[in-house]
Amino acid sequence: MGYTNTFIAVAEDCRAATGEVPIERAGSPTVASTQYAMLAAAPGQWTQEDVLLASSPQIRGRDIDEAELCRLSQEYFSQPRACLRASALPKTFGWGLHYDADGRITLHAVDSPEYARLRNDVSLTQLRAMRSSRSAS
């Protein structure tokens, strides 16, 4: 399911000029805030599957033991899931996602030198995040 040696650039219709930190709503973690917290706190530690599972409604904000986590993971991934190209991080908040050779992810603000370097790295598969709007702008 996950990518390797890939850079996901912000969506064509992303309005963020820099990497913005997603805000929780009424003290409750959102999908975007959970994904950001994981990737910002531990760059290069998490895979796409780790991030998608942790930000899912069944798990987000809960303390879950290993057996329950395994059960929920099997249940969650038993159906097709959107990848992080559909995440609000690269669609709305201005974060590029770099997947290394092992599929581990690091975040890069759209206005950072590292984002520009990765965006121009011909050794990486270059993808864009999915657009937020359906119509061309």
C-alpha atoms as a PDB file:
ATOM      1  CA  MET A   1       0.000   0.000   0.000  1.00  0.00           C
ATOM      2  CA  GLY A   2       2.754   2.474   0.892  1.00  0.00           C
ATOM      3  CA  TYR A   3       5.185   4.381  -1.289  1.00  0.00           C
ATOM      4  CA  THR A   4       8.979   4.150  -1.335  1.00  0.00           C
ATOM      5  CA  ASN A   5      11.485   6.645  -2.732  1.00  0.00           C
ATOM      6  CA  THR A   6       8.634   9.042  -3.448  1.00  0.00           C
ATOM      7  CA  PHE A   7       7.898  12.708  -2.875  1.00  0.00           C
ATOM      8  CA  ILE A   8       4.311  13.903  -2.626  1.00  0.00           C
ATOM      9  CA  ALA A   9       4.151  17.627  -3.362  1.00  0.00           C
ATOM     10  CA  VAL A  10       1.314  19.844  -2.189  1.00  0.00           C
ATOM     11  CA  ALA A  11      -1.859  19.835  -4.248  1.00  0.00           C
ATOM     12  CA  GLU A  12      -2.117  22.210  -7.199  1.00  0.00           C
ATOM     13  CA  ASP A  13      -4.930  24.063  -5.427  1.00  0.00           C
ATOM     14  CA  CYS A  14      -3.279  24.184  -1.980  1.00  0.00           C
ATOM     15  CA  ARG A  15      -3.503  27.755  -0.672  1.00  0.00           C
ATOM     16  CA  ALA A  16      -0.899  27.424   2.089  1.00  0.00           C
ATOM     17  CA  ALA A  17       2.270  29.427   1.454  1.00  0.00           C
ATOM     18  CA  THR A  18       4.097  27.614   4.246  1.00  0.00           C
ATOM     19  CA  GLY A  19       3.621  24.458   6.307  1.00  0.00           C
ATOM     20  CA  GLU A  20       0.742  25.161   8.692  1.00  0.00           C
ATOM     21  CA  VAL A  21       0.143  23.188  11.886  1.00  0.00           C
ATOM     22  CA  PRO A  22      -3.383  21.709  11.915  1.00  0.00           C
ATOM     23  CA  ILE A  23      -5.398  22.759  14.960  1.00  0.00           C
ATOM     24  CA  GLU A  24      -7.456  20.375  17.071  1.00  0.00           C
ATOM     25  CA  ARG A  25     -11.170  21.081  17.359  1.00  0.00           C
ATOM     26  CA  ALA A  26     -12.430  21.655  20.896  1.00  0.00           C
ATOM     27  CA  GLY A  27      -9.508  19.719  22.356  1.00  0.00           C
ATOM     28  CA  SER A  28     -10.255  16.692  20.196  1.00  0.00           C
ATOM     29  CA  PRO A  29      -7.589  15.458  17.759  1.00  0.00           C
ATOM     30  CA  THR A  30      -8.534  15.678  14.096  1.00  0.00           C
ATOM     31  CA  VAL A  31      -7.208  13.389  11.383  1.00  0.00           C
ATOM     32  CA  ALA A  32      -4.817  16.103  10.186  1.00  0.00           C
ATOM     33  CA  SER A  33      -3.625  17.050  13.692  1.00  0.00           C
ATOM     34  CA  THR A  34      -2.992  13.396  14.538  1.00  0.00           C
ATOM     35  CA  GLN A  35      -1.056  12.831  11.324  1.00  0.00           C
ATOM     36  CA  TYR A  36       0.965  16.013  11.808  1.00  0.00           C
ATOM     37  CA  ALA A  37       1.759  15.215  15.464  1.00  0.00           C
ATOM     38  CA  MET A  38       3.067  11.760  14.557  1.00  0.00           C
ATOM     39  CA  LEU A  39       5.179  12.877  11.610  1.00  0.00           C
ATOM     40  CA  ALA A  40       6.541  16.058  13.223  1.00  0.00           C
ATOM     41  CA  ALA A  41       7.451  14.372  16.518  1.00  0.00           C
ATOM     42  CA  ALA A  42       9.249  11.407  14.952  1.00  0.00           C
ATOM     43  CA  PRO A  43      10.477  12.187  11.418  1.00  0.00           C
ATOM     44  CA  GLY A  44      11.287   9.059   9.451  1.00  0.00           C
ATOM     45  CA  GLN A  45       9.782   6.684  12.002  1.00  0.00           C
ATOM     46  CA  TRP A  46       6.294   6.045  10.618  1.00  0.00           C
ATOM     47  CA  THR A  47       5.000   4.389   7.466  1.00  0.00           C
ATOM     48  CA  GLN A  48       1.830   5.359   5.636  1.00  0.00           C
ATOM     49  CA  GLU A  49      -0.005   2.416   7.195  1.00  0.00           C
ATOM     50  CA  ASP A  50       1.062   3.499  10.716  1.00  0.00           C
ATOM     51  CA  VAL A  51      -0.185   7.048  10.116  1.00  0.00           C
ATOM     52  CA  LEU A  52      -3.473   6.026   8.495  1.00  0.00           C
ATOM     53  CA  LEU A  53      -4.287   3.566  11.276  1.00  0.00           C
ATOM     54  CA  ALA A  54      -3.416   5.956  14.117  1.00  0.00           C
ATOM     55  CA  SER A  55      -5.529   8.731  12.580  1.00  0.00           C
ATOM     56  CA  SER A  56      -8.548   6.492  11.946  1.00  0.00           C
ATOM     57  CA  PRO A  57     -11.709   7.215  13.968  1.00  0.00           C
ATOM     58  CA  GLN A  58     -11.472   3.874  15.793  1.00  0.00           C
ATOM     59  CA  ILE A  59      -8.030   4.693  17.193  1.00  0.00           C
ATOM     60  CA  ARG A  60      -7.478   8.466  17.140  1.00  0.00           C
ATOM     61  CA  GLY A  61      -7.053   9.808  20.670  1.00  0.00           C
ATOM     62  CA  ARG A  62      -7.522   6.432  22.387  1.00  0.00           C
ATOM     63  CA  ASP A  63      -5.172   4.317  24.500  1.00  0.00           C
ATOM     64  CA  ILE A  64      -5.291   0.827  22.959  1.00  0.00           C
ATOM     65  CA  ASP A  65      -3.452  -2.334  23.963  1.00  0.00           C
ATOM     66  CA  GLU A  66      -1.418  -4.337  21.423  1.00  0.00           C
ATOM     67  CA  ALA A  67      -4.032  -7.094  20.900  1.00  0.00           C
ATOM     68  CA  GLU A  68      -6.827  -4.585  20.253  1.00  0.00           C
ATOM     69  CA  LEU A  69      -4.552  -2.564  17.954  1.00  0.00           C
ATOM     70  CA  CYS A  70      -3.793  -5.697  15.911  1.00  0.00           C
ATOM     71  CA  ARG A  71      -7.512  -6.524  15.633  1.00  0.00           C
ATOM     72  CA  LEU A  72      -8.427  -2.960  14.636  1.00  0.00           C
ATOM     73  CA  SER A  73      -5.591  -2.878  12.101  1.00  0.00           C
ATOM     74  CA  GLN A  74      -6.819  -6.045  10.389  1.00  0.00           C
ATOM     75  CA  GLU A  75     -10.366  -4.693  10.357  1.00  0.00           C
ATOM     76  CA  TYR A  76      -9.313  -1.245   9.108  1.00  0.00           C
ATOM     77  CA  PHE A  77      -7.122  -2.498   6.250  1.00  0.00           C
ATOM     78  CA  SER A  78      -9.580  -5.201   5.174  1.00  0.00           C
ATOM     79  CA  GLN A  79     -11.106  -2.547   2.900  1.00  0.00           C
ATOM     80  CA  PRO A  80      -9.314  -0.294   0.402  1.00  0.00           C
ATOM     81  CA  ARG A  81      -8.149   3.005   1.939  1.00  0.00           C
ATOM     82  CA  ALA A  82      -7.103   6.331   0.485  1.00  0.00           C
ATOM     83  CA  CYS A  83      -3.372   6.987   0.709  1.00  0.00           C
ATOM     84  CA  LEU A  84      -1.773  10.079   2.226  1.00  0.00           C
ATOM     85  CA  ARG A  85      -2.066  11.887  -1.130  1.00  0.00           C
ATOM     86  CA  ALA A  86      -5.643  12.492   0.064  1.00  0.00           C
ATOM     87  CA  SER A  87      -4.515  13.800   3.474  1.00  0.00           C
ATOM     88  CA  ALA A  88      -5.179  17.405   4.425  1.00  0.00           C
ATOM     89  CA  LEU A  89      -1.459  17.823   5.176  1.00  0.00           C
ATOM     90  CA  PRO A  90      -0.422  18.105   1.491  1.00  0.00           C
ATOM     91  CA  LYS A  91      -3.868  19.173   0.245  1.00  0.00           C
ATOM     92  CA  THR A  92      -4.547  22.072   2.596  1.00  0.00           C
ATOM     93  CA  PHE A  93      -1.794  22.679   5.154  1.00  0.00           C
ATOM     94  CA  GLY A  94       1.238  23.000   2.841  1.00  0.00           C
ATOM     95  CA  TRP A  95       3.273  19.903   3.747  1.00  0.00           C
ATOM     96  CA  GLY A  96       5.177  17.748   1.286  1.00  0.00           C
ATOM     97  CA  LEU A  97       5.669  14.082   2.208  1.00  0.00           C
ATOM     98  CA  HIS A  98       8.931  12.274   1.520  1.00  0.00           C
ATOM     99  CA  TYR A  99       8.915   8.474   1.637  1.00  0.00           C
ATOM    100  CA  ASP A 100      12.385   6.926   1.975  1.00  0.00           C
ATOM    101  CA  ALA A 101      13.494   3.517   0.659  1.00  0.00           C
ATOM    102  CA  ASP A 102      11.743   1.811   3.593  1.00  0.00           C
ATOM    103  CA  GLY A 103       8.508   3.797   3.187  1.00  0.00           C
ATOM    104  CA  ARG A 104       9.180   5.935   6.269  1.00  0.00           C
ATOM    105  CA  ILE A 105       7.810   9.473   6.010  1.00  0.00           C
ATOM    106  CA  THR A 106       9.187  12.938   6.727  1.00  0.00           C
ATOM    107  CA  LEU A 107       7.278  16.236   6.460  1.00  0.00           C
ATOM    108  CA  HIS A 108       8.605  19.271   4.575  1.00  0.00           C
ATOM    109  CA  ALA A 109       7.024  22.735   4.518  1.00  0.00           C
ATOM    110  CA  VAL A 110       6.244  23.935   0.993  1.00  0.00           C
ATOM    111  CA  ASP A 111       8.448  27.014   1.453  1.00  0.00           C
ATOM    112  CA  SER A 112      11.493  25.143   2.809  1.00  0.00           C
ATOM    113  CA  PRO A 113      14.762  24.535   0.948  1.00  0.00           C
ATOM    114  CA  GLU A 114      14.418  20.791   1.636  1.00  0.00           C
ATOM    115  CA  TYR A 115      10.984  20.753  -0.040  1.00  0.00           C
ATOM    116  CA  ALA A 116      12.487  22.433  -3.124  1.00  0.00           C
ATOM    117  CA  ARG A 117      15.382  19.970  -3.161  1.00  0.00           C
ATOM    118  CA  LEU A 118      13.088  16.939  -2.880  1.00  0.00           C
ATOM    119  CA  ARG A 119      10.661  18.366  -5.459  1.00  0.00           C
ATOM    120  CA  ASN A 120      13.507  18.527  -7.974  1.00  0.00           C
ATOM    121  CA  ASP A 121      15.108  15.181  -7.091  1.00  0.00           C
ATOM    122  CA  VAL A 122      14.868  13.063 -10.257  1.00  0.00           C
ATOM    123  CA  SER A 123      15.739   9.908  -8.295  1.00  0.00           C
ATOM    124  CA  LEU A 124      12.361  10.105  -6.498  1.00  0.00           C
ATOM    125  CA  THR A 125       8.959   9.289  -7.909  1.00  0.00           C
ATOM    126  CA  GLN A 126       7.234  12.673  -8.023  1.00  0.00           C
ATOM    127  CA  LEU A 127       3.502  12.826  -7.227  1.00  0.00           C
ATOM    128  CA  ARG A 128       1.083  15.579  -6.273  1.00  0.00           C
ATOM    129  CA  ALA A 129      -1.454  15.462  -3.494  1.00  0.00           C
ATOM    130  CA  MET A 130      -5.024  15.170  -4.679  1.00  0.00           C
ATOM    131  CA  ARG A 131      -6.823  18.400  -5.423  1.00  0.00           C
ATOM    132  CA  SER A 132      -9.375  19.682  -2.934  1.00  0.00           C
ATOM    133  CA  SER A 133     -11.736  20.918  -5.639  1.00  0.00           C
ATOM    134  CA  ARG A 134     -13.049  18.948  -8.578  1.00  0.00           C
ATOM    135  CA  SER A 135     -12.976  21.787 -11.075  1.00  0.00           C
ATOM    136  CA  ALA A 136      -9.799  23.049 -12.691  1.00  0.00           C
ATOM    137  CA  SER A 137      -8.703  26.457 -11.474  1.00  0.00           C
END
